PDB file of N, CA and C in Angstrom:
ATOM      1  N   MET A   1       6.479  -1.901  34.601  1.00  0.00           N
ATOM      2  CA  MET A   1       5.615  -1.829  33.167  1.00  0.00           C
ATOM      3  C   MET A   1       4.253  -1.862  33.830  1.00  0.00           C
ATOM      4  N   LYS A   2       3.798  -0.593  32.071  1.00  0.00           N
ATOM      5  CA  LYS A   2       2.403  -0.380  32.003  1.00  0.00           C
ATOM      6  C   LYS A   2       2.206  -1.651  31.522  1.00  0.00           C
ATOM      7  N   ILE A   3       0.554  -1.615  32.066  1.00  0.00           N
ATOM      8  CA  ILE A   3      -0.278  -2.568  31.016  1.00  0.00           C
ATOM      9  C   ILE A   3      -0.848  -2.019  29.468  1.00  0.00           C
ATOM     10  N   GLU A   4      -0.499  -0.760  29.384  1.00  0.00           N
ATOM     11  CA  GLU A   4      -0.790  -0.964  27.915  1.00  0.00           C
ATOM     12  C   GLU A   4       0.503  -0.852  27.246  1.00  0.00           C
ATOM     13  N   SER A   5       1.750  -1.007  27.812  1.00  0.00           N
ATOM     14  CA  SER A   5       2.934  -0.840  26.623  1.00  0.00           C
ATOM     15  C   SER A   5       3.186  -2.740  26.200  1.00  0.00           C
ATOM     16  N   ASN A   6       3.179  -3.627  27.864  1.00  0.00           N
ATOM     17  CA  ASN A   6       2.317  -4.892  27.699  1.00  0.00           C
ATOM     18  C   ASN A   6       1.669  -5.195  27.059  1.00  0.00           C
ATOM     19  N   LYS A   7       0.650  -5.194  26.461  1.00  0.00           N
ATOM     20  CA  LYS A   7      -0.203  -5.280  25.115  1.00  0.00           C
ATOM     21  C   LYS A   7       0.641  -4.548  23.986  1.00  0.00           C
ATOM     22  N   PHE A   8       0.906  -3.491  23.715  1.00  0.00           N
ATOM     23  CA  PHE A   8       1.440  -3.115  22.648  1.00  0.00           C
ATOM     24  C   PHE A   8       2.896  -4.230  22.353  1.00  0.00           C
ATOM     25  N   TYR A   9       3.530  -5.217  22.877  1.00  0.00           N
ATOM     26  CA  TYR A   9       4.414  -6.250  22.788  1.00  0.00           C
ATOM     27  C   TYR A   9       4.288  -7.196  22.119  1.00  0.00           C
ATOM     28  N   PHE A  10       2.385  -7.462  22.755  1.00  0.00           N
ATOM     29  CA  PHE A  10       2.055  -8.523  23.224  1.00  0.00           C
ATOM     30  C   PHE A  10       1.969  -8.501  21.796  1.00  0.00           C
ATOM     31  N   LEU A  11       1.351  -7.457  21.531  1.00  0.00           N
ATOM     32  CA  LEU A  11       0.909  -7.223  19.623  1.00  0.00           C
ATOM     33  C   LEU A  11       1.438  -7.060  18.752  1.00  0.00           C
ATOM     34  N   ILE A  12       3.060  -6.692  18.622  1.00  0.00           N
ATOM     35  CA  ILE A  12       3.873  -6.592  17.574  1.00  0.00           C
ATOM     36  C   ILE A  12       4.498  -8.768  18.408  1.00  0.00           C
ATOM     37  N   ILE A  13       4.882  -9.131  19.005  1.00  0.00           N
ATOM     38  CA  ILE A  13       5.032 -10.727  19.301  1.00  0.00           C
ATOM     39  C   ILE A  13       3.526 -11.309  18.176  1.00  0.00           C
ATOM     40  N   PHE A  14       2.299 -10.271  18.318  1.00  0.00           N
ATOM     41  CA  PHE A  14       1.575 -12.347  17.727  1.00  0.00           C
ATOM     42  C   PHE A  14       1.724 -11.219  16.538  1.00  0.00           C
ATOM     43  N   LEU A  15       2.227 -10.037  15.996  1.00  0.00           N
ATOM     44  CA  LEU A  15       1.872  -9.788  14.563  1.00  0.00           C
ATOM     45  C   LEU A  15       2.936 -10.434  13.683  1.00  0.00           C
ATOM     46  N   PHE A  16       4.009 -10.578  14.499  1.00  0.00           N
ATOM     47  CA  PHE A  16       5.593 -11.239  13.591  1.00  0.00           C
ATOM     48  C   PHE A  16       4.947 -12.746  13.520  1.00  0.00           C
ATOM     49  N   GLY A  17       4.746 -13.346  14.699  1.00  0.00           N
ATOM     50  CA  GLY A  17       4.832 -14.667  15.041  1.00  0.00           C
ATOM     51  C   GLY A  17       2.889 -15.316  13.622  1.00  0.00           C
ATOM     52  N   ILE A  18       2.749 -14.258  13.379  1.00  0.00           N
ATOM     53  CA  ILE A  18       1.428 -14.229  12.448  1.00  0.00           C
ATOM     54  C   ILE A  18       2.069 -14.943  11.119  1.00  0.00           C
ATOM     55  N   MET A  19       2.804 -13.927  10.692  1.00  0.00           N
ATOM     56  CA  MET A  19       3.272 -14.135   9.412  1.00  0.00           C
ATOM     57  C   MET A  19       3.310 -14.989   8.421  1.00  0.00           C
ATOM     58  N   ASN A  20       3.732 -15.880   9.368  1.00  0.00           N
ATOM     59  CA  ASN A  20       4.110 -17.694   8.764  1.00  0.00           C
ATOM     60  C   ASN A  20       2.582 -18.017   8.067  1.00  0.00           C
ATOM     61  N   ALA A  21       1.555 -18.125   9.148  1.00  0.00           N
ATOM     62  CA  ALA A  21      -0.019 -18.589   8.374  1.00  0.00           C
ATOM     63  C   ALA A  21       0.023 -17.956   7.033  1.00  0.00           C
ATOM     64  N   PHE A  22       0.934 -16.928   6.818  1.00  0.00           N
ATOM     65  CA  PHE A  22      -0.090 -16.509   5.245  1.00  0.00           C
ATOM     66  C   PHE A  22       1.110 -16.497   4.274  1.00  0.00           C
ATOM     67  N   ALA A  23       2.504 -16.924   5.118  1.00  0.00           N
ATOM     68  CA  ALA A  23       3.318 -17.247   4.214  1.00  0.00           C
ATOM     69  C   ALA A  23       2.328 -18.925   3.447  1.00  0.00           C
ATOM     70  N   GLY A  24       2.876 -18.636   1.377  1.00  0.00           N
ATOM     71  CA  GLY A  24       1.886 -19.636   1.127  1.00  0.00           C
ATOM     72  C   GLY A  24       3.258 -20.476   0.480  1.00  0.00           C
ATOM     73  N   ASP A  25       2.721 -21.580  -0.637  1.00  0.00           N
ATOM     74  CA  ASP A  25       4.073 -22.416  -0.734  1.00  0.00           C
ATOM     75  C   ASP A  25       4.444 -21.397  -2.342  1.00  0.00           C
ATOM     76  N   PRO A  26       5.899 -21.967  -2.722  1.00  0.00           N
ATOM     77  CA  PRO A  26       6.595 -21.106  -3.765  1.00  0.00           C
ATOM     78  C   PRO A  26       5.384 -21.809  -4.796  1.00  0.00           C
ATOM     79  N   PRO A  27       5.579 -21.081  -5.517  1.00  0.00           N
ATOM     80  CA  PRO A  27       5.284 -21.463  -7.265  1.00  0.00           C
ATOM     81  C   PRO A  27       5.290 -22.786  -8.163  1.00  0.00           C
ATOM     82  N   ALA A  28       4.905 -23.461  -8.258  1.00  0.00           N
ATOM     83  CA  ALA A  28       5.337 -24.619  -9.192  1.00  0.00           C
ATOM     84  C   ALA A  28       6.488 -24.291 -10.553  1.00  0.00           C
ATOM     85  N   PRO A  29       7.392 -24.818 -10.956  1.00  0.00           N
ATOM     86  CA  PRO A  29       8.461 -24.888 -12.255  1.00  0.00           C
ATOM     87  C   PRO A  29       7.675 -24.540 -13.731  1.00  0.00           C
ATOM     88  N   SER A  30       7.683 -23.712 -13.621  1.00  0.00           N
ATOM     89  CA  SER A  30       6.812 -23.409 -15.308  1.00  0.00           C
ATOM     90  C   SER A  30       7.538 -24.692 -16.520  1.00  0.00           C
ATOM     91  N   PRO A  31       5.888 -24.910 -17.355  1.00  0.00           N
ATOM     92  CA  PRO A  31       6.184 -26.695 -17.631  1.00  0.00           C
ATOM     93  C   PRO A  31       6.885 -26.049 -19.382  1.00  0.00           C
ATOM     94  N   PHE A  32       7.501 -24.069 -19.619  1.00  0.00           N
ATOM     95  CA  PHE A  32       7.741 -24.005 -20.381  1.00  0.00           C
ATOM     96  C   PHE A  32       9.192 -23.735 -20.575  1.00  0.00           C
ATOM     97  N   GLY A  33       9.608 -23.763 -19.198  1.00  0.00           N
ATOM     98  CA  GLY A  33      11.071 -23.357 -18.886  1.00  0.00           C
ATOM     99  C   GLY A  33      10.947 -22.131 -18.275  1.00  0.00           C
ATOM    100  N   ARG A  34      12.378 -21.099 -17.440  1.00  0.00           N
ATOM    101  CA  ARG A  34      12.209 -20.677 -16.919  1.00  0.00           C
ATOM    102  C   ARG A  34      11.964 -19.452 -18.208  1.00  0.00           C
ATOM    103  N   LYS A  35      10.659 -18.381 -17.244  1.00  0.00           N
ATOM    104  CA  LYS A  35      10.924 -17.512 -17.929  1.00  0.00           C
ATOM    105  C   LYS A  35      12.415 -15.963 -17.598  1.00  0.00           C
ATOM    106  N   LYS A  36      12.711 -14.986 -18.494  1.00  0.00           N
ATOM    107  CA  LYS A  36      13.830 -13.868 -18.472  1.00  0.00           C
ATOM    108  C   LYS A  36      13.239 -13.141 -17.891  1.00  0.00           C
ATOM    109  N   PRO A  37      13.279 -12.377 -16.688  1.00  0.00           N
ATOM    110  CA  PRO A  37      13.710 -10.881 -16.006  1.00  0.00           C
ATOM    111  C   PRO A  37      12.877  -9.993 -16.109  1.00  0.00           C
ATOM    112  N   PRO A  38      12.751  -8.908 -15.938  1.00  0.00           N
ATOM    113  CA  PRO A  38      12.007  -7.806 -16.553  1.00  0.00           C
ATOM    114  C   PRO A  38      13.459  -7.199 -16.659  1.00  0.00           C
ATOM    115  N   PRO A  39      13.551  -5.967 -17.919  1.00  0.00           N
ATOM    116  CA  PRO A  39      14.679  -5.488 -17.742  1.00  0.00           C
ATOM    117  C   PRO A  39      15.052  -4.707 -16.981  1.00  0.00           C
ATOM    118  N   PRO A  40      15.995  -4.001 -16.414  1.00  0.00           N
ATOM    119  CA  PRO A  40      16.038  -3.072 -15.260  1.00  0.00           C
ATOM    120  C   PRO A  40      15.320  -1.751 -15.756  1.00  0.00           C
ATOM    121  N   PRO A  41      15.001  -0.936 -14.815  1.00  0.00           N
ATOM    122  CA  PRO A  41      14.179   0.179 -15.269  1.00  0.00           C
ATOM    123  C   PRO A  41      15.423   1.368 -15.986  1.00  0.00           C
ATOM    124  N   GLY A  42      16.836   1.355 -15.784  1.00  0.00           N
ATOM    125  CA  GLY A  42      17.734   2.354 -15.397  1.00  0.00           C
ATOM    126  C   GLY A  42      17.823   3.152 -15.331  1.00  0.00           C
ATOM    127  N   LEU A  43      17.492   3.178 -14.066  1.00  0.00           N
ATOM    128  CA  LEU A  43      17.655   4.344 -13.403  1.00  0.00           C
ATOM    129  C   LEU A  43      18.492   4.143 -12.211  1.00  0.00           C
ATOM    130  N   PRO A  44      19.574   4.369 -11.516  1.00  0.00           N
ATOM    131  CA  PRO A  44      20.375   3.578 -10.954  1.00  0.00           C
ATOM    132  C   PRO A  44      20.321   4.648  -9.440  1.00  0.00           C
ATOM    133  N   ILE A  45      19.909   3.930  -8.271  1.00  0.00           N
ATOM    134  CA  ILE A  45      19.991   4.556  -7.096  1.00  0.00           C
ATOM    135  C   ILE A  45      21.378   5.701  -6.763  1.00  0.00           C
ATOM    136  N   ASP A  46      22.344   4.697  -7.006  1.00  0.00           N
ATOM    137  CA  ASP A  46      23.714   5.333  -6.522  1.00  0.00           C
ATOM    138  C   ASP A  46      23.926   6.726  -7.567  1.00  0.00           C
ATOM    139  N   GLU A  47      23.693   6.809  -8.890  1.00  0.00           N
ATOM    140  CA  GLU A  47      24.111   8.463  -9.874  1.00  0.00           C
ATOM    141  C   GLU A  47      23.529   9.029  -8.578  1.00  0.00           C
ATOM    142  N   ASN A  48      22.498   9.225  -8.269  1.00  0.00           N
ATOM    143  CA  ASN A  48      22.582  10.645  -7.386  1.00  0.00           C
ATOM    144  C   ASN A  48      22.569  10.467  -6.104  1.00  0.00           C
ATOM    145  N   ILE A  49      23.373   9.638  -5.144  1.00  0.00           N
ATOM    146  CA  ILE A  49      22.848   9.492  -3.589  1.00  0.00           C
ATOM    147  C   ILE A  49      23.291  10.696  -2.635  1.00  0.00           C
ATOM    148  N   PHE A  50      24.724  11.066  -3.762  1.00  0.00           N
ATOM    149  CA  PHE A  50      25.082  12.442  -2.700  1.00  0.00           C
ATOM    150  C   PHE A  50      23.757  13.528  -2.556  1.00  0.00           C
ATOM    151  N   ILE A  51      22.792  13.851  -3.824  1.00  0.00           N
ATOM    152  CA  ILE A  51      21.896  15.011  -3.899  1.00  0.00           C
ATOM    153  C   ILE A  51      21.179  13.835  -2.870  1.00  0.00           C
ATOM    154  N   LEU A  52      20.598  12.869  -2.602  1.00  0.00           N
ATOM    155  CA  LEU A  52      19.481  12.014  -2.236  1.00  0.00           C
ATOM    156  C   LEU A  52      19.949  12.342  -0.465  1.00  0.00           C
ATOM    157  N   MET A  53      21.270  11.740  -0.294  1.00  0.00           N
ATOM    158  CA  MET A  53      21.158  12.202   1.649  1.00  0.00           C
ATOM    159  C   MET A  53      21.220  13.969   1.603  1.00  0.00           C
ATOM    160  N   MET A  54      21.601  15.360   0.744  1.00  0.00           N
ATOM    161  CA  MET A  54      21.520  16.598   1.158  1.00  0.00           C
ATOM    162  C   MET A  54      20.357  16.797   1.371  1.00  0.00           C
ATOM    163  N   ILE A  55      19.520  16.032   0.860  1.00  0.00           N
ATOM    164  CA  ILE A  55      17.826  16.100   1.127  1.00  0.00           C
ATOM    165  C   ILE A  55      16.931  16.024   1.903  1.00  0.00           C
ATOM    166  N   ALA A  56      17.749  15.015   2.411  1.00  0.00           N
ATOM    167  CA  ALA A  56      17.173  13.965   3.720  1.00  0.00           C
ATOM    168  C   ALA A  56      18.148  14.775   5.007  1.00  0.00           C
ATOM    169  N   VAL A  57      18.817  14.980   4.736  1.00  0.00           N
ATOM    170  CA  VAL A  57      20.183  16.377   6.016  1.00  0.00           C
ATOM    171  C   VAL A  57      18.740  17.473   5.962  1.00  0.00           C
ATOM    172  N   LEU A  58      19.146  17.974   5.011  1.00  0.00           N
ATOM    173  CA  LEU A  58      18.090  19.393   5.201  1.00  0.00           C
ATOM    174  C   LEU A  58      16.435  19.319   5.340  1.00  0.00           C
ATOM    175  N   PHE A  59      15.452  18.570   5.009  1.00  0.00           N
ATOM    176  CA  PHE A  59      14.756  17.539   5.261  1.00  0.00           C
ATOM    177  C   PHE A  59      14.752  17.999   6.889  1.00  0.00           C
ATOM    178  N   GLY A  60      15.242  16.675   7.210  1.00  0.00           N
ATOM    179  CA  GLY A  60      15.907  16.604   8.527  1.00  0.00           C
ATOM    180  C   GLY A  60      15.780  17.677  10.070  1.00  0.00           C
ATOM    181  N   ILE A  61      16.504  18.969   9.198  1.00  0.00           N
ATOM    182  CA  ILE A  61      17.179  20.440   9.684  1.00  0.00           C
ATOM    183  C   ILE A  61      15.635  20.868  10.202  1.00  0.00           C
ATOM    184  N   TYR A  62      15.079  20.854   9.184  1.00  0.00           N
ATOM    185  CA  TYR A  62      13.760  21.957   8.714  1.00  0.00           C
ATOM    186  C   TYR A  62      12.492  21.082   9.863  1.00  0.00           C
ATOM    187  N   ILE A  63      12.577  19.739  10.084  1.00  0.00           N
ATOM    188  CA  ILE A  63      11.877  18.656  11.207  1.00  0.00           C
ATOM    189  C   ILE A  63      11.984  19.656  12.262  1.00  0.00           C
ATOM    190  N   ILE A  64      13.448  19.014  12.508  1.00  0.00           N
ATOM    191  CA  ILE A  64      14.241  19.653  14.035  1.00  0.00           C
ATOM    192  C   ILE A  64      13.769  21.181  14.465  1.00  0.00           C
ATOM    193  N   TYR A  65      13.705  22.087  13.133  1.00  0.00           N
ATOM    194  CA  TYR A  65      13.302  23.641  13.810  1.00  0.00           C
ATOM    195  C   TYR A  65      12.151  24.180  13.657  1.00  0.00           C
ATOM    196  N   ASP A  66      10.949  23.189  12.494  1.00  0.00           N
ATOM    197  CA  ASP A  66      10.006  23.642  12.904  1.00  0.00           C
ATOM    198  C   ASP A  66       9.412  22.895  14.537  1.00  0.00           C
ATOM    199  N   PHE A  67       9.805  21.408  14.776  1.00  0.00           N
ATOM    200  CA  PHE A  67       9.210  21.318  15.831  1.00  0.00           C
ATOM    201  C   PHE A  67       9.836  22.291  16.990  1.00  0.00           C
ATOM    202  N   LYS A  68      11.077  22.355  17.196  1.00  0.00           N
ATOM    203  CA  LYS A  68      11.214  23.563  17.873  1.00  0.00           C
ATOM    204  C   LYS A  68      10.448  25.411  18.412  1.00  0.00           C
ATOM    205  N   LEU A  69      10.384  25.770  17.153  1.00  0.00           N
ATOM    206  CA  LEU A  69       9.473  26.365  17.080  1.00  0.00           C
ATOM    207  C   LEU A  69       8.027  25.969  17.852  1.00  0.00           C
ATOM    208  N   LYS A  70       7.499  25.389  17.385  1.00  0.00           N
ATOM    209  CA  LYS A  70       5.737  25.236  17.582  1.00  0.00           C
ATOM    210  C   LYS A  70       6.465  24.968  19.650  1.00  0.00           C
ATOM    211  N   THR A  71       7.172  24.417  20.014  1.00  0.00           N
ATOM    212  CA  THR A  71       7.536  23.732  21.271  1.00  0.00           C
ATOM    213  C   THR A  71       7.600  24.975  22.322  1.00  0.00           C
ATOM    214  N   LYS A  72       7.946  26.562  21.563  1.00  0.00           N
ATOM    215  CA  LYS A  72       8.808  27.179  22.782  1.00  0.00           C
ATOM    216  C   LYS A  72       8.098  28.009  23.578  1.00  0.00           C
ATOM    217  N   THR A  73       7.830  28.536  24.059  1.00  0.00           N
ATOM    218  CA  THR A  73       7.164  29.434  25.132  1.00  0.00           C
ATOM    219  C   THR A  73       7.162  30.531  25.668  1.00  0.00           C
ATOM    220  N   PRO A  74       5.929  31.596  24.594  1.00  0.00           N
ATOM    221  CA  PRO A  74       6.830  32.714  25.027  1.00  0.00           C
ATOM    222  C   PRO A  74       6.940  33.463  26.629  1.00  0.00           C
ATOM    223  N   ILE A  75       8.039  35.056  27.079  1.00  0.00           N
ATOM    224  CA  ILE A  75       7.882  34.589  28.362  1.00  0.00           C
ATOM    225  C   ILE A  75       7.591  36.209  28.689  1.00  0.00           C
TER     226      ILE A  75
END
């Protein structure tokens, strides 16, 4: 293993381990009772999931095609 990859793994472990240090205590309960949650925005993602998946597939094809064009070398 290279030294650079060891440094990368140590950095990742350090960053995931330090997350607990920044976590705060949960807020105290309100003396006036529970607040009502905000209303939903009314835009469910389930409605257009097929369109989103088609856009993702087309974008993936575009990225792969663009990458192959950049890496081709003239004969």
